[in-house]
N, C-alpha and C. Protein backbone atom coordinates (compact mmCIF):
# COMPACT_ATOMS: atom_id res chain seq x y z
N MET A 1 3.49 -2.63 -0.44
CA MET A 1 3.35 -2.98 -1.85
C MET A 1 1.92 -2.74 -2.25
N ASP A 2 1.70 -2.19 -3.42
CA ASP A 2 0.37 -1.89 -3.93
C ASP A 2 -0.14 -3.10 -4.70
N ASP A 3 -1.26 -3.67 -4.27
CA ASP A 3 -1.84 -4.85 -4.92
C ASP A 3 -2.95 -4.48 -5.90
N SER A 4 -3.03 -3.20 -6.30
CA SER A 4 -4.12 -2.77 -7.18
C SER A 4 -3.88 -3.15 -8.64
N GLY A 5 -2.71 -3.66 -8.96
CA GLY A 5 -2.42 -4.02 -10.34
C GLY A 5 -1.71 -2.91 -11.10
N PHE A 6 -1.49 -1.77 -10.46
CA PHE A 6 -0.80 -0.67 -11.09
C PHE A 6 0.68 -0.69 -10.69
N ILE A 7 1.50 -0.23 -11.59
CA ILE A 7 2.92 -0.10 -11.29
C ILE A 7 3.13 1.24 -10.63
N VAL A 8 3.74 1.23 -9.48
CA VAL A 8 3.97 2.46 -8.74
C VAL A 8 5.43 2.87 -8.95
N PRO A 9 5.65 4.06 -9.54
CA PRO A 9 7.03 4.50 -9.77
C PRO A 9 7.71 4.86 -8.46
N PRO A 10 9.04 4.86 -8.46
CA PRO A 10 9.76 5.25 -7.25
C PRO A 10 9.48 6.71 -6.93
N PRO A 11 9.58 7.09 -5.65
CA PRO A 11 9.31 8.47 -5.23
C PRO A 11 10.22 9.45 -5.96
N GLY A 12 9.64 10.56 -6.39
CA GLY A 12 10.38 11.63 -7.04
C GLY A 12 10.55 11.48 -8.53
N LEU A 13 10.16 10.34 -9.11
CA LEU A 13 10.33 10.14 -10.54
C LEU A 13 9.31 10.95 -11.33
N ILE A 14 8.08 10.99 -10.85
CA ILE A 14 7.01 11.73 -11.51
C ILE A 14 6.60 12.86 -10.58
N PRO A 15 6.56 14.11 -11.07
CA PRO A 15 6.15 15.22 -10.20
C PRO A 15 4.70 15.03 -9.74
N SER A 16 4.46 15.43 -8.50
CA SER A 16 3.10 15.29 -7.97
C SER A 16 2.15 16.24 -8.68
N ARG A 17 0.86 15.91 -8.64
CA ARG A 17 -0.16 16.75 -9.27
C ARG A 17 -0.44 17.95 -8.38
N PRO A 18 -0.74 19.07 -9.00
CA PRO A 18 -1.08 20.25 -8.18
C PRO A 18 -2.39 20.00 -7.43
N GLN A 19 -2.49 20.48 -6.19
CA GLN A 19 -3.66 20.27 -5.35
C GLN A 19 -4.81 21.21 -5.70
N HIS A 20 -4.52 22.42 -6.11
CA HIS A 20 -5.58 23.37 -6.48
C HIS A 20 -5.08 24.26 -7.60
N GLY A 21 -5.95 24.97 -8.19
CA GLY A 21 -5.60 25.88 -9.27
C GLY A 21 -5.48 25.19 -10.62
N SER A 22 -5.92 23.94 -10.74
CA SER A 22 -5.83 23.26 -12.03
C SER A 22 -7.09 23.55 -12.82
N PRO A 23 -7.04 23.46 -14.14
CA PRO A 23 -8.21 23.72 -14.95
C PRO A 23 -9.36 22.78 -14.61
N ASP A 24 -9.07 21.59 -14.03
CA ASP A 24 -10.14 20.63 -13.70
C ASP A 24 -11.03 21.13 -12.58
N ASP A 25 -10.51 21.91 -11.65
CA ASP A 25 -11.36 22.36 -10.54
C ASP A 25 -11.81 23.81 -10.72
N GLY A 26 -11.68 24.33 -11.94
CA GLY A 26 -12.20 25.65 -12.24
C GLY A 26 -11.24 26.77 -11.92
N GLY A 27 -10.09 26.49 -11.42
CA GLY A 27 -9.13 27.54 -11.07
C GLY A 27 -8.22 27.85 -12.24
N ALA A 28 -7.26 28.70 -11.97
CA ALA A 28 -6.28 29.08 -12.99
C ALA A 28 -5.29 27.93 -13.19
N PRO A 29 -4.69 27.85 -14.37
CA PRO A 29 -3.70 26.79 -14.60
C PRO A 29 -2.55 26.89 -13.60
N ALA A 30 -2.03 25.73 -13.21
CA ALA A 30 -0.93 25.69 -12.23
C ALA A 30 0.35 26.20 -12.88
N ASP A 31 1.15 26.85 -12.08
CA ASP A 31 2.44 27.35 -12.56
C ASP A 31 3.47 26.23 -12.47
N ARG A 32 3.90 25.74 -13.62
CA ARG A 32 4.85 24.61 -13.65
C ARG A 32 6.29 25.09 -13.71
N SER A 33 6.51 26.41 -13.72
CA SER A 33 7.88 26.91 -13.82
C SER A 33 8.68 26.63 -12.56
N SER A 34 8.03 26.37 -11.44
CA SER A 34 8.76 26.12 -10.20
C SER A 34 9.16 24.65 -10.07
N ALA A 35 8.66 23.78 -10.93
CA ALA A 35 9.02 22.37 -10.86
C ALA A 35 10.47 22.18 -11.31
N PRO A 36 11.21 21.32 -10.62
CA PRO A 36 12.60 21.11 -11.03
C PRO A 36 12.66 20.46 -12.41
N VAL A 37 13.62 20.90 -13.19
CA VAL A 37 13.80 20.35 -14.53
C VAL A 37 14.93 19.33 -14.46
N ARG A 38 14.62 18.11 -14.81
CA ARG A 38 15.62 17.05 -14.81
C ARG A 38 16.00 16.73 -16.24
N PRO A 39 17.30 16.60 -16.51
CA PRO A 39 17.70 16.24 -17.87
C PRO A 39 17.29 14.80 -18.17
N LEU A 40 16.93 14.58 -19.40
CA LEU A 40 16.57 13.23 -19.81
C LEU A 40 17.83 12.41 -20.04
N PRO A 41 17.77 11.12 -19.77
CA PRO A 41 18.95 10.30 -20.05
C PRO A 41 19.22 10.26 -21.54
N THR A 42 20.48 10.12 -21.88
CA THR A 42 20.86 10.07 -23.29
C THR A 42 21.43 8.70 -23.61
N PHE A 43 21.36 8.34 -24.84
CA PHE A 43 21.88 7.06 -25.32
C PHE A 43 22.81 7.35 -26.49
N THR A 44 24.00 6.82 -26.41
CA THR A 44 24.95 6.95 -27.51
C THR A 44 25.06 5.59 -28.18
N PRO A 45 24.62 5.50 -29.42
CA PRO A 45 24.68 4.19 -30.10
C PRO A 45 26.12 3.78 -30.37
N PRO A 46 26.36 2.49 -30.48
CA PRO A 46 27.70 2.03 -30.80
C PRO A 46 28.10 2.50 -32.20
N PRO A 47 29.40 2.57 -32.46
CA PRO A 47 29.82 3.04 -33.78
C PRO A 47 29.30 2.13 -34.89
N GLY A 48 28.91 2.75 -35.98
CA GLY A 48 28.37 2.00 -37.11
C GLY A 48 29.47 1.38 -37.95
N PRO A 49 29.08 0.75 -39.05
CA PRO A 49 30.06 0.06 -39.88
C PRO A 49 31.11 0.98 -40.48
N GLY A 50 30.79 2.25 -40.69
CA GLY A 50 31.74 3.18 -41.29
C GLY A 50 32.65 3.86 -40.28
N ALA A 51 32.38 3.67 -38.97
CA ALA A 51 33.16 4.34 -37.94
C ALA A 51 34.53 3.66 -37.80
N PRO A 52 35.55 4.45 -37.45
CA PRO A 52 36.87 3.84 -37.27
C PRO A 52 36.87 2.90 -36.07
N ALA A 53 37.46 1.75 -36.24
CA ALA A 53 37.51 0.75 -35.17
C ALA A 53 38.65 1.09 -34.22
N VAL A 54 38.44 0.82 -32.94
CA VAL A 54 39.48 1.00 -31.95
C VAL A 54 40.42 -0.20 -32.07
N PRO A 55 41.70 0.06 -32.26
CA PRO A 55 42.61 -1.08 -32.45
C PRO A 55 42.67 -1.93 -31.18
N ALA A 56 42.66 -3.24 -31.37
CA ALA A 56 42.73 -4.16 -30.24
C ALA A 56 44.16 -4.17 -29.70
N ARG A 57 44.25 -4.30 -28.39
CA ARG A 57 45.56 -4.37 -27.76
C ARG A 57 46.20 -5.71 -28.12
N PRO A 58 47.47 -5.71 -28.52
CA PRO A 58 48.10 -6.96 -28.90
C PRO A 58 48.19 -7.91 -27.71
N VAL A 59 48.16 -9.19 -28.01
CA VAL A 59 48.24 -10.21 -26.98
C VAL A 59 49.55 -10.96 -27.15
N TRP A 60 50.29 -11.06 -26.07
CA TRP A 60 51.51 -11.86 -26.06
C TRP A 60 51.13 -13.28 -25.67
N ARG A 61 51.83 -14.26 -26.23
CA ARG A 61 51.60 -15.66 -25.91
C ARG A 61 52.94 -16.31 -25.57
N LEU A 62 52.90 -17.14 -24.57
CA LEU A 62 54.06 -17.92 -24.16
C LEU A 62 53.82 -19.34 -24.64
N HIS A 63 54.66 -19.83 -25.56
CA HIS A 63 54.52 -21.17 -26.11
C HIS A 63 55.49 -22.10 -25.39
N LEU A 64 54.92 -23.05 -24.66
CA LEU A 64 55.69 -23.99 -23.86
C LEU A 64 55.84 -25.32 -24.58
N PRO A 65 56.78 -26.15 -24.17
CA PRO A 65 56.89 -27.49 -24.76
C PRO A 65 55.58 -28.26 -24.59
N GLY A 66 55.31 -29.14 -25.53
CA GLY A 66 54.08 -29.93 -25.47
C GLY A 66 52.89 -29.19 -26.03
N ASP A 67 53.11 -28.22 -26.89
CA ASP A 67 52.03 -27.46 -27.54
C ASP A 67 51.13 -26.74 -26.55
N ARG A 68 51.66 -26.34 -25.42
CA ARG A 68 50.90 -25.56 -24.44
C ARG A 68 51.17 -24.08 -24.71
N SER A 69 50.10 -23.30 -24.82
CA SER A 69 50.21 -21.87 -25.11
C SER A 69 49.44 -21.09 -24.05
N ILE A 70 50.08 -20.05 -23.51
CA ILE A 70 49.47 -19.27 -22.43
C ILE A 70 49.49 -17.79 -22.83
N PRO A 71 48.32 -17.11 -22.76
CA PRO A 71 48.32 -15.67 -23.05
C PRO A 71 48.97 -14.90 -21.89
N VAL A 72 49.70 -13.86 -22.24
CA VAL A 72 50.33 -12.99 -21.23
C VAL A 72 49.64 -11.64 -21.35
N THR A 73 48.70 -11.37 -20.45
CA THR A 73 47.96 -10.11 -20.50
C THR A 73 48.34 -9.17 -19.35
N GLY A 74 49.03 -9.69 -18.37
CA GLY A 74 49.47 -8.90 -17.23
C GLY A 74 50.84 -9.39 -16.82
N THR A 75 50.92 -9.94 -15.61
CA THR A 75 52.18 -10.50 -15.13
C THR A 75 52.01 -11.98 -14.85
N LEU A 76 52.97 -12.77 -15.29
CA LEU A 76 53.00 -14.20 -15.02
C LEU A 76 54.24 -14.51 -14.20
N LEU A 77 54.07 -15.33 -13.19
CA LEU A 77 55.21 -15.88 -12.46
C LEU A 77 55.33 -17.33 -12.90
N VAL A 78 56.50 -17.70 -13.43
CA VAL A 78 56.69 -19.05 -13.95
C VAL A 78 57.77 -19.76 -13.16
N GLY A 79 57.60 -21.08 -13.02
CA GLY A 79 58.57 -21.91 -12.32
C GLY A 79 57.97 -23.28 -12.08
N ARG A 80 58.72 -24.14 -11.37
CA ARG A 80 58.21 -25.48 -11.07
C ARG A 80 56.99 -25.44 -10.17
N ASN A 81 56.99 -24.54 -9.18
CA ASN A 81 55.87 -24.37 -8.25
C ASN A 81 55.87 -22.91 -7.80
N PRO A 82 55.49 -21.97 -8.70
CA PRO A 82 55.65 -20.54 -8.41
C PRO A 82 54.80 -20.07 -7.24
N SER A 83 55.31 -19.00 -6.61
CA SER A 83 54.65 -18.43 -5.44
C SER A 83 54.72 -16.91 -5.52
N HIS A 84 53.66 -16.25 -5.02
CA HIS A 84 53.65 -14.78 -4.99
C HIS A 84 54.70 -14.22 -4.04
N SER A 85 55.12 -15.00 -3.06
CA SER A 85 56.08 -14.49 -2.08
C SER A 85 57.44 -14.20 -2.70
N ALA A 86 57.72 -14.76 -3.88
CA ALA A 86 59.01 -14.53 -4.53
C ALA A 86 59.05 -13.22 -5.31
N TYR A 87 57.90 -12.58 -5.53
CA TYR A 87 57.86 -11.36 -6.35
C TYR A 87 56.73 -10.48 -5.85
N SER A 88 57.05 -9.61 -4.92
CA SER A 88 56.02 -8.77 -4.29
C SER A 88 55.54 -7.63 -5.17
N ASP A 89 56.21 -7.38 -6.32
CA ASP A 89 55.80 -6.29 -7.21
C ASP A 89 54.47 -6.55 -7.90
N ALA A 90 54.03 -7.80 -7.96
CA ALA A 90 52.78 -8.15 -8.64
C ALA A 90 52.01 -9.19 -7.82
N PRO A 91 51.34 -8.74 -6.75
CA PRO A 91 50.63 -9.70 -5.90
C PRO A 91 49.46 -10.39 -6.60
N ASP A 92 49.00 -9.82 -7.72
CA ASP A 92 47.87 -10.42 -8.45
C ASP A 92 48.34 -11.18 -9.70
N ALA A 93 49.64 -11.48 -9.79
CA ALA A 93 50.19 -12.16 -10.96
C ALA A 93 49.62 -13.58 -11.06
N ASP A 94 49.48 -14.04 -12.30
CA ASP A 94 49.06 -15.42 -12.54
C ASP A 94 50.26 -16.33 -12.32
N LEU A 95 50.02 -17.48 -11.70
CA LEU A 95 51.08 -18.44 -11.42
C LEU A 95 51.02 -19.55 -12.46
N ILE A 96 52.14 -19.80 -13.14
CA ILE A 96 52.20 -20.82 -14.19
C ILE A 96 53.26 -21.85 -13.79
N ALA A 97 52.80 -23.07 -13.48
CA ALA A 97 53.71 -24.16 -13.14
C ALA A 97 54.22 -24.80 -14.43
N LEU A 98 55.54 -24.97 -14.50
CA LEU A 98 56.17 -25.54 -15.68
C LEU A 98 56.62 -26.97 -15.39
N ASP A 99 56.43 -27.83 -16.36
CA ASP A 99 56.90 -29.20 -16.27
C ASP A 99 58.36 -29.21 -16.73
N ASP A 100 59.26 -29.50 -15.80
CA ASP A 100 60.69 -29.46 -16.11
C ASP A 100 61.34 -30.79 -15.75
N PRO A 101 61.43 -31.71 -16.72
CA PRO A 101 62.00 -33.03 -16.42
C PRO A 101 63.49 -32.98 -16.04
N THR A 102 64.22 -31.93 -16.44
CA THR A 102 65.65 -31.86 -16.12
C THR A 102 65.92 -31.15 -14.80
N SER A 103 64.89 -30.62 -14.16
CA SER A 103 65.00 -29.92 -12.86
C SER A 103 65.98 -28.75 -12.88
N THR A 104 65.97 -27.98 -13.96
CA THR A 104 66.83 -26.79 -14.03
C THR A 104 66.04 -25.51 -13.81
N VAL A 105 64.72 -25.62 -13.70
CA VAL A 105 63.86 -24.46 -13.46
C VAL A 105 63.65 -24.33 -11.95
N SER A 106 63.83 -23.13 -11.44
CA SER A 106 63.64 -22.88 -10.01
C SER A 106 62.16 -22.89 -9.65
N LYS A 107 61.90 -22.93 -8.35
CA LYS A 107 60.51 -22.95 -7.88
C LYS A 107 59.73 -21.76 -8.46
N THR A 108 60.21 -20.55 -8.26
CA THR A 108 59.67 -19.35 -8.92
C THR A 108 60.83 -18.76 -9.68
N HIS A 109 60.90 -19.05 -10.97
CA HIS A 109 62.08 -18.78 -11.77
C HIS A 109 62.11 -17.36 -12.34
N ALA A 110 60.98 -16.92 -12.95
CA ALA A 110 60.99 -15.63 -13.64
C ALA A 110 59.59 -15.01 -13.64
N ALA A 111 59.57 -13.70 -13.92
CA ALA A 111 58.32 -12.96 -14.10
C ALA A 111 58.30 -12.43 -15.51
N LEU A 112 57.20 -12.68 -16.21
CA LEU A 112 56.98 -12.09 -17.54
C LEU A 112 55.86 -11.08 -17.38
N ALA A 113 56.04 -9.88 -17.91
CA ALA A 113 55.05 -8.83 -17.72
C ALA A 113 54.89 -7.98 -18.96
N VAL A 114 53.64 -7.64 -19.26
CA VAL A 114 53.33 -6.70 -20.34
C VAL A 114 53.47 -5.30 -19.75
N ASP A 115 54.28 -4.46 -20.40
CA ASP A 115 54.46 -3.12 -19.88
C ASP A 115 53.42 -2.16 -20.46
N ARG A 116 53.44 -0.93 -20.03
CA ARG A 116 52.43 0.06 -20.46
C ARG A 116 52.45 0.34 -21.94
N GLY A 117 53.59 0.16 -22.58
CA GLY A 117 53.70 0.39 -24.01
C GLY A 117 53.41 -0.86 -24.82
N ASP A 118 52.80 -1.87 -24.22
CA ASP A 118 52.45 -3.14 -24.86
C ASP A 118 53.67 -3.99 -25.21
N GLY A 119 54.81 -3.68 -24.65
CA GLY A 119 55.98 -4.53 -24.81
C GLY A 119 55.97 -5.62 -23.75
N LEU A 120 56.87 -6.56 -23.87
CA LEU A 120 56.97 -7.65 -22.90
C LEU A 120 58.37 -7.64 -22.29
N THR A 121 58.43 -7.84 -20.97
CA THR A 121 59.71 -7.95 -20.29
C THR A 121 59.76 -9.26 -19.51
N VAL A 122 60.98 -9.73 -19.26
CA VAL A 122 61.18 -10.89 -18.40
C VAL A 122 62.19 -10.50 -17.33
N THR A 123 61.92 -10.94 -16.10
CA THR A 123 62.80 -10.66 -14.98
C THR A 123 63.21 -11.97 -14.35
N ASP A 124 64.51 -12.20 -14.26
CA ASP A 124 65.03 -13.37 -13.55
C ASP A 124 64.84 -13.10 -12.06
N LEU A 125 64.11 -13.98 -11.38
CA LEU A 125 63.83 -13.80 -9.96
C LEU A 125 64.88 -14.51 -9.11
N HIS A 126 66.16 -14.24 -9.42
CA HIS A 126 67.30 -14.82 -8.70
C HIS A 126 67.26 -16.34 -8.73
N SER A 127 66.99 -16.85 -9.94
CA SER A 127 66.91 -18.30 -10.13
C SER A 127 68.31 -18.93 -10.06
N THR A 128 68.35 -20.22 -9.85
CA THR A 128 69.62 -20.94 -9.78
C THR A 128 70.31 -21.00 -11.13
N ASN A 129 69.56 -21.28 -12.21
CA ASN A 129 70.17 -21.49 -13.53
C ASN A 129 69.94 -20.36 -14.52
N GLY A 130 69.37 -19.26 -14.09
CA GLY A 130 69.28 -18.06 -14.90
C GLY A 130 68.24 -18.05 -16.00
N VAL A 131 68.15 -16.88 -16.65
CA VAL A 131 67.24 -16.64 -17.77
C VAL A 131 68.08 -16.07 -18.91
N ILE A 132 67.91 -16.64 -20.10
CA ILE A 132 68.61 -16.14 -21.28
C ILE A 132 67.56 -15.79 -22.33
N VAL A 133 67.64 -14.55 -22.85
CA VAL A 133 66.70 -14.08 -23.87
C VAL A 133 67.51 -13.72 -25.11
N GLY A 134 67.25 -14.44 -26.20
CA GLY A 134 67.95 -14.16 -27.45
C GLY A 134 69.47 -14.20 -27.30
N GLY A 135 69.98 -15.11 -26.50
CA GLY A 135 71.41 -15.25 -26.31
C GLY A 135 72.00 -14.33 -25.24
N VAL A 136 71.20 -13.48 -24.64
CA VAL A 136 71.68 -12.54 -23.62
C VAL A 136 71.18 -12.99 -22.25
N ARG A 137 72.12 -13.16 -21.31
CA ARG A 137 71.76 -13.57 -19.95
C ARG A 137 71.18 -12.37 -19.20
N ALA A 138 70.02 -12.60 -18.58
CA ALA A 138 69.37 -11.54 -17.81
C ALA A 138 70.06 -11.36 -16.46
N GLU A 139 70.21 -10.12 -16.07
CA GLU A 139 70.73 -9.80 -14.75
C GLU A 139 69.60 -10.04 -13.74
N PRO A 140 69.82 -10.86 -12.71
CA PRO A 140 68.73 -11.14 -11.75
C PRO A 140 68.14 -9.86 -11.17
N GLY A 141 66.81 -9.80 -11.16
CA GLY A 141 66.10 -8.66 -10.61
C GLY A 141 65.91 -7.49 -11.55
N THR A 142 66.49 -7.56 -12.76
CA THR A 142 66.38 -6.46 -13.72
C THR A 142 65.56 -6.91 -14.93
N PRO A 143 64.42 -6.25 -15.19
CA PRO A 143 63.61 -6.64 -16.35
C PRO A 143 64.33 -6.33 -17.66
N ILE A 144 64.23 -7.26 -18.62
CA ILE A 144 64.80 -7.01 -19.94
C ILE A 144 63.70 -7.22 -20.97
N PRO A 145 63.73 -6.44 -22.06
CA PRO A 145 62.68 -6.58 -23.08
C PRO A 145 62.82 -7.90 -23.84
N VAL A 146 61.66 -8.40 -24.27
CA VAL A 146 61.60 -9.62 -25.06
C VAL A 146 60.98 -9.27 -26.40
N ALA A 147 61.66 -9.63 -27.48
CA ALA A 147 61.16 -9.34 -28.82
C ALA A 147 60.17 -10.40 -29.27
N ASP A 148 59.29 -10.01 -30.19
CA ASP A 148 58.34 -10.94 -30.78
C ASP A 148 59.11 -12.09 -31.43
N GLY A 149 58.73 -13.32 -31.13
CA GLY A 149 59.36 -14.49 -31.70
C GLY A 149 60.62 -14.94 -30.98
N ALA A 150 61.00 -14.24 -29.91
CA ALA A 150 62.22 -14.58 -29.19
C ALA A 150 62.10 -15.91 -28.46
N GLU A 151 63.25 -16.55 -28.28
CA GLU A 151 63.33 -17.77 -27.50
C GLU A 151 63.88 -17.39 -26.13
N VAL A 152 63.20 -17.88 -25.10
CA VAL A 152 63.61 -17.60 -23.73
C VAL A 152 64.00 -18.92 -23.09
N LEU A 153 65.20 -18.95 -22.50
CA LEU A 153 65.66 -20.14 -21.78
C LEU A 153 65.48 -19.90 -20.30
N LEU A 154 64.71 -20.76 -19.67
CA LEU A 154 64.54 -20.76 -18.22
C LEU A 154 65.27 -22.00 -17.74
N GLY A 155 66.51 -21.84 -17.28
CA GLY A 155 67.35 -23.02 -17.04
C GLY A 155 67.59 -23.68 -18.39
N ASP A 156 67.21 -24.97 -18.52
CA ASP A 156 67.32 -25.67 -19.80
C ASP A 156 66.00 -25.70 -20.57
N LEU A 157 64.94 -25.16 -19.99
CA LEU A 157 63.62 -25.20 -20.62
C LEU A 157 63.49 -24.07 -21.64
N ARG A 158 63.20 -24.43 -22.88
CA ARG A 158 63.05 -23.43 -23.95
C ARG A 158 61.57 -23.10 -24.15
N VAL A 159 61.27 -21.79 -24.14
CA VAL A 159 59.92 -21.32 -24.44
C VAL A 159 60.04 -20.24 -25.51
N ARG A 160 59.00 -20.10 -26.29
CA ARG A 160 58.98 -19.09 -27.36
C ARG A 160 57.91 -18.07 -27.03
N VAL A 161 58.21 -16.81 -27.31
CA VAL A 161 57.27 -15.73 -27.04
C VAL A 161 56.83 -15.15 -28.36
N GLU A 162 55.51 -14.93 -28.49
CA GLU A 162 54.95 -14.43 -29.75
C GLU A 162 53.90 -13.38 -29.45
N ARG A 163 53.88 -12.35 -30.30
CA ARG A 163 52.90 -11.27 -30.16
C ARG A 163 51.89 -11.40 -31.30
N SER A 164 50.61 -11.39 -30.97
CA SER A 164 49.58 -11.53 -32.01
C SER A 164 48.55 -10.43 -31.91
């Protein structure tokens, strides 16, 4: 470390000075054409007020009894005590424990997932009491689309799905 009080740049950042042939020692000017040319970094400013805004990706929300609301941004596994072992397709899924006083919700009851087209699907994970979306019973293991504002029955537990 240099204790002289000067800031020492990292090696290679500043080209070294020529040893001879500089105008200071009476010689001919140094030929700088052989020095490597490095492009300067560029900065792109953020879009200004008149620039078109990038539309925000819609957020799905799961509204549970008791005014509990959960955003669905990826995959959620829901149930009384959900576990990743029940659904190996999404090992990074968020686990959401549901309070079910009637005990009709299975341990890991269903998976809710946002698909690539920003839609939402629900998959019955072979639960005991099934999943019903808008009056239609889900076939276990088969994802079905969920519409904005739809009511989803997980056993006897009613939840509402909303897109914002």
